Amino acid sequence: MKILAVASAKGGVGKTTVTESLAVALSRLTHRTVLAVDLDPQNALALHLGVDPQELRGLSRSSLAGQDWRAVCFERHEGVYALPFGVVTEEDRTTLEAQIAAEPRWLAQQLHALDLPDDALVLLDTPPGPSVYGQQALSTAQWVVVVMLADAASYATMPLMQRMVQTYCTPRPEFAGAFYLLNQLNSARQLSQDILRVLRESVGDSYLGAIHADEAVPEALALGQSVLDHGPYSQARHDIMALASALAERMQVLPAAHHPGRGSQ
């Protein structure tokens, strides 16, 4: 399997929306099984992927009970599976985090036990900033996408994200690279243009691209749909498909044999 972590140094940048959109787009582009894993206790990725809001199960409860994660993987689009974090009490969350901190290979072992297809893609949605979940994700992923907004606050936190990548990713021989993505870009604002220019100069070839601000994105979430379906002609869909294509190329994820019934872009 190939593992991609989606991370950010601060909250409110639309990281979970990006994870959901890339999961659907990569599935349609590559025709591979895609698993989107929610490592954030906010448990928002399940909502973005259309899992029943009343569903309490997830990797947190399964881990605490010593159970396999396969029972809480929900197919949400054809070939796209969601693994929610789930809902736990604060006491149970603290217990889980202590267990994770004591087992550096917790995430790697759990993903291996899922027995996914060899060509499967796994996307890890992580909490913003430092956390035991983010540490596990960065210590396991072969690629990282850092999501930022085109504002001063996001740019100011970029060194923190770079230090985290250098600490948990760079020393590993299997780590292939980190990419930077700007979300909710407003090209009409001079500040957005300035941040975009400075970021591209700072990270060079690690700049992946941008998703423009588009009302189709919150509308799709409100309707429980992917923006790829809700806004087939939207700027956001165009941007997401372009980013997914760039990711597939950089990850060298060549399209698998077409599965009957699988949709294309």
C-alpha atoms as a PDB file:
ATOM      1  CA  MET A   1       0.000   0.000   0.000  1.00  0.00           C
ATOM      2  CA  LYS A   2       1.009   3.622  -0.460  1.00  0.00           C
ATOM      3  CA  ILE A   3       0.392   5.983   2.445  1.00  0.00           C
ATOM      4  CA  LEU A   4      -0.167   9.752   2.258  1.00  0.00           C
ATOM      5  CA  ALA A   5      -0.614  11.938   5.349  1.00  0.00           C
ATOM      6  CA  VAL A   6      -2.565  15.193   5.067  1.00  0.00           C
ATOM      7  CA  ALA A   7      -1.358  17.613   7.741  1.00  0.00           C
ATOM      8  CA  SER A   8      -1.435  21.234   8.861  1.00  0.00           C
ATOM      9  CA  ALA A   9       0.240  23.268  11.570  1.00  0.00           C
ATOM     10  CA  LYS A  10      -2.977  25.132  12.445  1.00  0.00           C
ATOM     11  CA  GLY A  11      -6.694  24.423  12.392  1.00  0.00           C
ATOM     12  CA  GLY A  12      -9.313  25.955  10.131  1.00  0.00           C
ATOM     13  CA  VAL A  13      -7.470  25.427   6.860  1.00  0.00           C
ATOM     14  CA  GLY A  14      -9.932  22.914   5.366  1.00  0.00           C
ATOM     15  CA  LYS A  15      -7.586  19.946   5.766  1.00  0.00           C
ATOM     16  CA  THR A  16     -10.373  17.386   6.231  1.00  0.00           C
ATOM     17  CA  THR A  17     -12.257  18.654   3.180  1.00  0.00           C
ATOM     18  CA  VAL A  18      -9.043  18.353   1.179  1.00  0.00           C
ATOM     19  CA  THR A  19      -8.524  14.784   2.436  1.00  0.00           C
ATOM     20  CA  GLU A  20     -12.047  13.743   1.418  1.00  0.00           C
ATOM     21  CA  SER A  21     -11.788  15.401  -1.990  1.00  0.00           C
ATOM     22  CA  LEU A  22      -8.381  13.900  -2.773  1.00  0.00           C
ATOM     23  CA  ALA A  23      -9.546  10.445  -1.670  1.00  0.00           C
ATOM     24  CA  VAL A  24     -12.460  10.502  -4.121  1.00  0.00           C
ATOM     25  CA  ALA A  25     -10.395  12.078  -6.909  1.00  0.00           C
ATOM     26  CA  LEU A  26      -7.486   9.630  -6.556  1.00  0.00           C
ATOM     27  CA  SER A  27      -9.877   6.685  -6.618  1.00  0.00           C
ATOM     28  CA  ARG A  28     -11.441   7.892  -9.853  1.00  0.00           C
ATOM     29  CA  LEU A  29      -8.119   8.735 -11.480  1.00  0.00           C
ATOM     30  CA  THR A  30      -6.224   5.582 -10.554  1.00  0.00           C
ATOM     31  CA  HIS A  31      -9.067   3.036 -10.216  1.00  0.00           C
ATOM     32  CA  ARG A  32      -7.457   1.810  -7.004  1.00  0.00           C
ATOM     33  CA  THR A  33      -8.940   1.113  -3.602  1.00  0.00           C
ATOM     34  CA  VAL A  34      -8.613   4.234  -1.433  1.00  0.00           C
ATOM     35  CA  LEU A  35      -8.961   4.233   2.350  1.00  0.00           C
ATOM     36  CA  ALA A  36      -9.387   7.577   4.136  1.00  0.00           C
ATOM     37  CA  VAL A  37      -8.395   7.225   7.807  1.00  0.00           C
ATOM     38  CA  ASP A  38      -9.485   9.808  10.388  1.00  0.00           C
ATOM     39  CA  LEU A  39      -6.802  10.233  13.058  1.00  0.00           C
ATOM     40  CA  ASP A  40      -8.415  13.386  14.437  1.00  0.00           C
ATOM     41  CA  PRO A  41     -10.588  13.030  17.582  1.00  0.00           C
ATOM     42  CA  GLN A  42     -12.961  15.622  16.094  1.00  0.00           C
ATOM     43  CA  ASN A  43     -14.204  12.728  13.919  1.00  0.00           C
ATOM     44  CA  ALA A  44     -15.094  15.101  11.062  1.00  0.00           C
ATOM     45  CA  LEU A  45     -13.835  13.060   8.110  1.00  0.00           C
ATOM     46  CA  ALA A  46     -16.713  10.582   8.449  1.00  0.00           C
ATOM     47  CA  LEU A  47     -19.207  13.434   8.068  1.00  0.00           C
ATOM     48  CA  HIS A  48     -17.400  14.710   4.978  1.00  0.00           C
ATOM     49  CA  LEU A  49     -17.585  11.237   3.451  1.00  0.00           C
ATOM     50  CA  GLY A  50     -21.262  10.793   4.295  1.00  0.00           C
ATOM     51  CA  VAL A  51     -21.056   8.338   7.193  1.00  0.00           C
ATOM     52  CA  ASP A  52     -24.181   8.413   9.381  1.00  0.00           C
ATOM     53  CA  PRO A  53     -23.689  11.208  11.991  1.00  0.00           C
ATOM     54  CA  GLN A  54     -25.129   8.836  14.611  1.00  0.00           C
ATOM     55  CA  GLU A  55     -22.379   6.269  13.970  1.00  0.00           C
ATOM     56  CA  LEU A  56     -20.216   6.011  17.100  1.00  0.00           C
ATOM     57  CA  ARG A  57     -17.880   3.242  15.982  1.00  0.00           C
ATOM     58  CA  GLY A  58     -14.404   3.911  14.721  1.00  0.00           C
ATOM     59  CA  LEU A  59     -10.734   3.138  15.136  1.00  0.00           C
ATOM     60  CA  SER A  60     -10.653   4.633  18.650  1.00  0.00           C
ATOM     61  CA  ARG A  61     -13.224   2.250  20.115  1.00  0.00           C
ATOM     62  CA  SER A  62     -11.848  -0.695  18.167  1.00  0.00           C
ATOM     63  CA  SER A  63      -8.308  -0.003  19.378  1.00  0.00           C
ATOM     64  CA  LEU A  64      -9.398   0.271  23.004  1.00  0.00           C
ATOM     65  CA  ALA A  65     -11.291  -3.026  22.693  1.00  0.00           C
ATOM     66  CA  GLY A  66      -8.395  -4.755  20.942  1.00  0.00           C
ATOM     67  CA  GLN A  67     -10.541  -5.335  17.858  1.00  0.00           C
ATOM     68  CA  ASP A  68      -9.691  -5.332  14.171  1.00  0.00           C
ATOM     69  CA  TRP A  69     -10.298  -2.097  12.241  1.00  0.00           C
ATOM     70  CA  ARG A  70     -11.865  -3.877   9.263  1.00  0.00           C
ATOM     71  CA  ALA A  71     -15.306  -3.922  10.892  1.00  0.00           C
ATOM     72  CA  VAL A  72     -15.374  -0.098  10.981  1.00  0.00           C
ATOM     73  CA  CYS A  73     -14.289   0.587   7.394  1.00  0.00           C
ATOM     74  CA  PHE A  74     -17.327   1.959   5.546  1.00  0.00           C
ATOM     75  CA  GLU A  75     -17.524   2.122   1.751  1.00  0.00           C
ATOM     76  CA  ARG A  76     -18.805   5.608   0.932  1.00  0.00           C
ATOM     77  CA  HIS A  77     -18.113   5.885  -2.796  1.00  0.00           C
ATOM     78  CA  GLU A  78     -17.329   2.988  -5.066  1.00  0.00           C
ATOM     79  CA  GLY A  79     -13.769   2.032  -4.148  1.00  0.00           C
ATOM     80  CA  VAL A  80     -13.481   4.719  -1.437  1.00  0.00           C
ATOM     81  CA  TYR A  81     -13.626   3.595   2.187  1.00  0.00           C
ATOM     82  CA  ALA A  82     -13.857   5.734   5.324  1.00  0.00           C
ATOM     83  CA  LEU A  83     -12.345   4.672   8.633  1.00  0.00           C
ATOM     84  CA  PRO A  84     -13.752   7.118  11.232  1.00  0.00           C
ATOM     85  CA  PHE A  85     -11.999   8.039  14.431  1.00  0.00           C
ATOM     86  CA  GLY A  86     -15.236   7.317  16.281  1.00  0.00           C
ATOM     87  CA  VAL A  87     -16.693   8.783  19.460  1.00  0.00           C
ATOM     88  CA  VAL A  88     -15.156   8.119  22.881  1.00  0.00           C
ATOM     89  CA  THR A  89     -15.218   9.727  26.306  1.00  0.00           C
ATOM     90  CA  GLU A  90     -12.398  12.021  27.369  1.00  0.00           C
ATOM     91  CA  GLU A  91     -11.169   9.341  29.753  1.00  0.00           C
ATOM     92  CA  ASP A  92     -11.036   6.761  26.970  1.00  0.00           C
ATOM     93  CA  ARG A  93      -9.324   9.210  24.624  1.00  0.00           C
ATOM     94  CA  THR A  94      -6.617   9.830  27.209  1.00  0.00           C
ATOM     95  CA  THR A  95      -6.166   6.077  27.659  1.00  0.00           C
ATOM     96  CA  LEU A  96      -5.923   5.573  23.896  1.00  0.00           C
ATOM     97  CA  GLU A  97      -3.338   8.319  23.495  1.00  0.00           C
ATOM     98  CA  ALA A  98      -1.219   6.785  26.259  1.00  0.00           C
ATOM     99  CA  GLN A  99      -1.351   3.435  24.472  1.00  0.00           C
ATOM    100  CA  ILE A 100      -0.378   5.049  21.169  1.00  0.00           C
ATOM    101  CA  ALA A 101       2.523   6.938  22.753  1.00  0.00           C
ATOM    102  CA  ALA A 102       3.833   3.658  24.189  1.00  0.00           C
ATOM    103  CA  GLU A 103       3.736   1.867  20.821  1.00  0.00           C
ATOM    104  CA  PRO A 104       5.643   3.749  18.073  1.00  0.00           C
ATOM    105  CA  ARG A 105       4.433   1.323  15.370  1.00  0.00           C
ATOM    106  CA  TRP A 106       0.778   1.330  16.437  1.00  0.00           C
ATOM    107  CA  LEU A 107      -0.518   2.849  13.203  1.00  0.00           C
ATOM    108  CA  ALA A 108       1.751   0.853  10.897  1.00  0.00           C
ATOM    109  CA  GLN A 109       0.708  -2.401  12.556  1.00  0.00           C
ATOM    110  CA  GLN A 110      -2.995  -1.559  12.420  1.00  0.00           C
ATOM    111  CA  LEU A 111      -2.841  -0.646   8.725  1.00  0.00           C
ATOM    112  CA  HIS A 112      -0.922  -3.805   7.923  1.00  0.00           C
ATOM    113  CA  ALA A 113      -3.574  -5.890   9.715  1.00  0.00           C
ATOM    114  CA  LEU A 114      -6.258  -4.506   7.371  1.00  0.00           C
ATOM    115  CA  ASP A 115      -4.754  -6.661   4.606  1.00  0.00           C
ATOM    116  CA  LEU A 116      -5.502  -4.073   1.926  1.00  0.00           C
ATOM    117  CA  PRO A 117      -4.728  -4.718  -1.754  1.00  0.00           C
ATOM    118  CA  ASP A 118      -1.060  -4.201  -2.594  1.00  0.00           C
ATOM    119  CA  ASP A 119      -1.935  -1.220  -4.807  1.00  0.00           C
ATOM    120  CA  ALA A 120      -4.269   0.456  -2.289  1.00  0.00           C
ATOM    121  CA  LEU A 121      -3.867   4.121  -1.391  1.00  0.00           C
ATOM    122  CA  VAL A 122      -4.267   5.220   2.233  1.00  0.00           C
ATOM    123  CA  LEU A 123      -4.904   8.874   3.131  1.00  0.00           C
ATOM    124  CA  LEU A 124      -4.400   9.874   6.770  1.00  0.00           C
ATOM    125  CA  ASP A 125      -6.287  12.913   8.059  1.00  0.00           C
ATOM    126  CA  THR A 126      -4.384  14.253  11.083  1.00  0.00           C
ATOM    127  CA  PRO A 127      -5.119  16.798  13.826  1.00  0.00           C
ATOM    128  CA  PRO A 128      -3.517  20.236  13.377  1.00  0.00           C
ATOM    129  CA  GLY A 129      -0.162  20.785  15.036  1.00  0.00           C
ATOM    130  CA  PRO A 130       1.805  18.319  17.185  1.00  0.00           C
ATOM    131  CA  SER A 131      -0.091  15.284  18.549  1.00  0.00           C
ATOM    132  CA  VAL A 132       0.448  11.568  19.109  1.00  0.00           C
ATOM    133  CA  TYR A 133      -1.805  10.895  16.102  1.00  0.00           C
ATOM    134  CA  GLY A 134       0.165  13.229  13.856  1.00  0.00           C
ATOM    135  CA  GLN A 135       3.453  11.760  15.039  1.00  0.00           C
ATOM    136  CA  GLN A 136       2.251   8.265  14.138  1.00  0.00           C
ATOM    137  CA  ALA A 137       1.020   9.452  10.728  1.00  0.00           C
ATOM    138  CA  LEU A 138       4.233  11.282   9.877  1.00  0.00           C
ATOM    139  CA  SER A 139       6.281   8.302  11.073  1.00  0.00           C
ATOM    140  CA  THR A 140       4.347   5.963   8.768  1.00  0.00           C
ATOM    141  CA  ALA A 141       3.531   7.930   5.603  1.00  0.00           C
ATOM    142  CA  GLN A 142       5.663   7.865   2.474  1.00  0.00           C
ATOM    143  CA  TRP A 143       4.323  11.260   1.403  1.00  0.00           C
ATOM    144  CA  VAL A 144       2.916  14.272   3.244  1.00  0.00           C
ATOM    145  CA  VAL A 145       0.652  17.016   1.921  1.00  0.00           C
ATOM    146  CA  VAL A 146       0.781  20.156   4.071  1.00  0.00           C
ATOM    147  CA  VAL A 147      -2.406  22.207   3.729  1.00  0.00           C
ATOM    148  CA  MET A 148      -2.187  25.979   4.230  1.00  0.00           C
ATOM    149  CA  LEU A 149      -4.296  29.064   3.644  1.00  0.00           C
ATOM    150  CA  ALA A 150      -2.939  32.021   1.698  1.00  0.00           C
ATOM    151  CA  ASP A 151      -2.718  34.148   4.834  1.00  0.00           C
ATOM    152  CA  ALA A 152      -0.031  35.372   7.187  1.00  0.00           C
ATOM    153  CA  ALA A 153      -1.046  33.020  10.024  1.00  0.00           C
ATOM    154  CA  SER A 154      -0.593  29.902   7.906  1.00  0.00           C
ATOM    155  CA  TYR A 155       2.701  31.125   6.509  1.00  0.00           C
ATOM    156  CA  ALA A 156       3.969  31.907  10.015  1.00  0.00           C
ATOM    157  CA  THR A 157       3.308  28.315  11.117  1.00  0.00           C
ATOM    158  CA  MET A 158       5.070  26.727   8.132  1.00  0.00           C
ATOM    159  CA  PRO A 159       8.414  26.360   9.996  1.00  0.00           C
ATOM    160  CA  LEU A 160       6.652  24.247  12.657  1.00  0.00           C
ATOM    161  CA  MET A 161       5.324  21.898   9.986  1.00  0.00           C
ATOM    162  CA  GLN A 162       8.727  21.727   8.334  1.00  0.00           C
ATOM    163  CA  ARG A 163      10.359  20.801  11.660  1.00  0.00           C
ATOM    164  CA  MET A 164       7.804  18.043  12.201  1.00  0.00           C
ATOM    165  CA  VAL A 165       8.506  16.636   8.736  1.00  0.00           C
ATOM    166  CA  GLN A 166      12.258  16.799   9.353  1.00  0.00           C
ATOM    167  CA  THR A 167      11.856  15.020  12.695  1.00  0.00           C
ATOM    168  CA  TYR A 168       9.469  12.207  11.805  1.00  0.00           C
ATOM    169  CA  CYS A 169       9.716  11.809   8.023  1.00  0.00           C
ATOM    170  CA  THR A 170      13.075  12.780   6.572  1.00  0.00           C
ATOM    171  CA  PRO A 171      15.213  10.261   8.539  1.00  0.00           C
ATOM    172  CA  ARG A 172      13.237   7.312   7.146  1.00  0.00           C
ATOM    173  CA  PRO A 173      14.625   5.853   3.885  1.00  0.00           C
ATOM    174  CA  GLU A 174      11.125   5.006   2.626  1.00  0.00           C
ATOM    175  CA  PHE A 175       9.936   8.612   2.938  1.00  0.00           C
ATOM    176  CA  ALA A 176       9.553  10.090  -0.540  1.00  0.00           C
ATOM    177  CA  GLY A 177       8.596  13.728  -0.032  1.00  0.00           C
ATOM    178  CA  ALA A 178       6.440  16.531   1.363  1.00  0.00           C
ATOM    179  CA  PHE A 179       4.198  18.742  -0.751  1.00  0.00           C
ATOM    180  CA  TYR A 180       2.558  22.092   0.033  1.00  0.00           C
ATOM    181  CA  LEU A 181      -0.980  22.980  -0.993  1.00  0.00           C
ATOM    182  CA  LEU A 182      -2.838  26.286  -0.679  1.00  0.00           C
ATOM    183  CA  ASN A 183      -6.547  25.968   0.073  1.00  0.00           C
ATOM    184  CA  GLN A 184      -9.360  28.501  -0.370  1.00  0.00           C
ATOM    185  CA  LEU A 185      -7.164  30.728  -2.519  1.00  0.00           C
ATOM    186  CA  ASN A 186      -8.715  34.077  -3.466  1.00  0.00           C
ATOM    187  CA  SER A 187      -6.771  35.320  -6.470  1.00  0.00           C
ATOM    188  CA  ALA A 188      -8.461  38.728  -6.247  1.00  0.00           C
ATOM    189  CA  ARG A 189      -6.705  39.513  -2.954  1.00  0.00           C
ATOM    190  CA  GLN A 190      -3.209  40.943  -3.151  1.00  0.00           C
ATOM    191  CA  LEU A 191      -2.223  39.202   0.103  1.00  0.00           C
ATOM    192  CA  SER A 192      -3.199  35.829  -1.363  1.00  0.00           C
ATOM    193  CA  GLN A 193      -1.083  36.513  -4.427  1.00  0.00           C
ATOM    194  CA  ASP A 194       1.860  37.564  -2.257  1.00  0.00           C
ATOM    195  CA  ILE A 195       1.641  34.469  -0.042  1.00  0.00           C
ATOM    196  CA  LEU A 196       1.372  32.258  -3.122  1.00  0.00           C
ATOM    197  CA  ARG A 197       4.479  33.836  -4.653  1.00  0.00           C
ATOM    198  CA  VAL A 198       6.528  33.589  -1.448  1.00  0.00           C
ATOM    199  CA  LEU A 199       5.451  29.988  -0.823  1.00  0.00           C
ATOM    200  CA  ARG A 200       6.398  28.907  -4.328  1.00  0.00           C
ATOM    201  CA  GLU A 201       9.777  30.563  -3.931  1.00  0.00           C
ATOM    202  CA  SER A 202      10.280  28.941  -0.509  1.00  0.00           C
ATOM    203  CA  VAL A 203       9.401  25.329  -1.304  1.00  0.00           C
ATOM    204  CA  GLY A 204      10.183  25.164  -5.016  1.00  0.00           C
ATOM    205  CA  ASP A 205       9.193  21.857  -6.587  1.00  0.00           C
ATOM    206  CA  SER A 206       7.446  20.829  -3.358  1.00  0.00           C
ATOM    207  CA  TYR A 207       4.610  23.238  -4.181  1.00  0.00           C
ATOM    208  CA  LEU A 208       1.729  21.040  -5.321  1.00  0.00           C
ATOM    209  CA  GLY A 209      -0.902  23.619  -6.289  1.00  0.00           C
ATOM    210  CA  ALA A 210      -3.955  25.464  -4.994  1.00  0.00           C
ATOM    211  CA  ILE A 211      -7.689  25.047  -4.536  1.00  0.00           C
ATOM    212  CA  HIS A 212      -9.557  28.287  -5.150  1.00  0.00           C
ATOM    213  CA  ALA A 213     -12.276  29.520  -2.799  1.00  0.00           C
ATOM    214  CA  ASP A 214     -15.532  28.170  -4.205  1.00  0.00           C
ATOM    215  CA  GLU A 215     -19.058  28.127  -2.758  1.00  0.00           C
ATOM    216  CA  ALA A 216     -19.545  24.679  -4.297  1.00  0.00           C
ATOM    217  CA  VAL A 217     -17.376  23.203  -1.511  1.00  0.00           C
ATOM    218  CA  PRO A 218     -19.513  24.141   1.546  1.00  0.00           C
ATOM    219  CA  GLU A 219     -22.670  23.497  -0.484  1.00  0.00           C
ATOM    220  CA  ALA A 220     -21.498  19.942  -1.220  1.00  0.00           C
ATOM    221  CA  LEU A 221     -20.717  19.312   2.459  1.00  0.00           C
ATOM    222  CA  ALA A 222     -24.143  20.566   3.503  1.00  0.00           C
ATOM    223  CA  LEU A 223     -25.740  18.133   1.038  1.00  0.00           C
ATOM    224  CA  GLY A 224     -23.524  15.228   2.089  1.00  0.00           C
ATOM    225  CA  GLN A 225     -21.937  15.023  -1.355  1.00  0.00           C
ATOM    226  CA  SER A 226     -18.462  15.233  -2.806  1.00  0.00           C
ATOM    227  CA  VAL A 227     -17.820  18.534  -4.561  1.00  0.00           C
ATOM    228  CA  LEU A 228     -16.651  16.425  -7.499  1.00  0.00           C
ATOM    229  CA  ASP A 229     -20.278  15.366  -7.961  1.00  0.00           C
ATOM    230  CA  HIS A 230     -22.101  18.440  -6.651  1.00  0.00           C
ATOM    231  CA  GLY A 231     -20.098  20.930  -8.686  1.00  0.00           C
ATOM    232  CA  PRO A 232     -18.976  19.081 -11.828  1.00  0.00           C
ATOM    233  CA  TYR A 233     -18.066  22.352 -13.555  1.00  0.00           C
ATOM    234  CA  SER A 234     -16.816  24.230 -10.506  1.00  0.00           C
ATOM    235  CA  GLN A 235     -13.372  25.747 -10.112  1.00  0.00           C
ATOM    236  CA  ALA A 236     -12.846  23.639  -6.981  1.00  0.00           C
ATOM    237  CA  ARG A 237     -13.467  20.399  -8.866  1.00  0.00           C
ATOM    238  CA  HIS A 238     -11.043  21.456 -11.589  1.00  0.00           C
ATOM    239  CA  ASP A 239      -8.397  22.299  -8.987  1.00  0.00           C
ATOM    240  CA  ILE A 240      -8.895  19.078  -7.006  1.00  0.00           C
ATOM    241  CA  MET A 241      -8.644  16.863 -10.074  1.00  0.00           C
ATOM    242  CA  ALA A 242      -5.472  18.701 -11.146  1.00  0.00           C
ATOM    243  CA  LEU A 243      -3.952  18.239  -7.686  1.00  0.00           C
ATOM    244  CA  ALA A 244      -4.904  14.563  -7.606  1.00  0.00           C
ATOM    245  CA  SER A 245      -3.328  14.090 -11.021  1.00  0.00           C
ATOM    246  CA  ALA A 246      -0.131  15.804  -9.861  1.00  0.00           C
ATOM    247  CA  LEU A 247      -0.079  13.637  -6.732  1.00  0.00           C
ATOM    248  CA  ALA A 248      -0.642  10.444  -8.709  1.00  0.00           C
ATOM    249  CA  GLU A 249       2.255  11.365 -10.987  1.00  0.00           C
ATOM    250  CA  ARG A 250       4.627  12.221  -8.138  1.00  0.00           C
ATOM    251  CA  MET A 251       3.634   9.118  -6.183  1.00  0.00           C
ATOM    252  CA  GLN A 252       4.065   7.087  -9.386  1.00  0.00           C
ATOM    253  CA  VAL A 253       0.581   5.651  -8.972  1.00  0.00           C
ATOM    254  CA  LEU A 254      -0.130   4.416 -12.464  1.00  0.00           C
ATOM    255  CA  PRO A 255      -3.779   3.600 -13.207  1.00  0.00           C
ATOM    256  CA  ALA A 256      -4.616   0.023 -12.294  1.00  0.00           C
ATOM    257  CA  ALA A 257      -6.659  -2.201 -14.584  1.00  0.00           C
ATOM    258  CA  HIS A 258     -10.144  -0.698 -14.847  1.00  0.00           C
ATOM    259  CA  HIS A 259     -12.636  -2.324 -12.492  1.00  0.00           C
ATOM    260  CA  PRO A 260     -16.111  -2.918 -13.969  1.00  0.00           C
ATOM    261  CA  GLY A 261     -18.518  -0.317 -12.686  1.00  0.00           C
ATOM    262  CA  ARG A 262     -15.846   2.027 -11.382  1.00  0.00           C
ATOM    263  CA  GLY A 263     -16.413   5.642 -12.367  1.00  0.00           C
ATOM    264  CA  SER A 264     -13.908   7.752 -14.228  1.00  0.00           C
ATOM    265  CA  GLN A 265     -13.257  11.433 -13.914  1.00  0.00           C
END
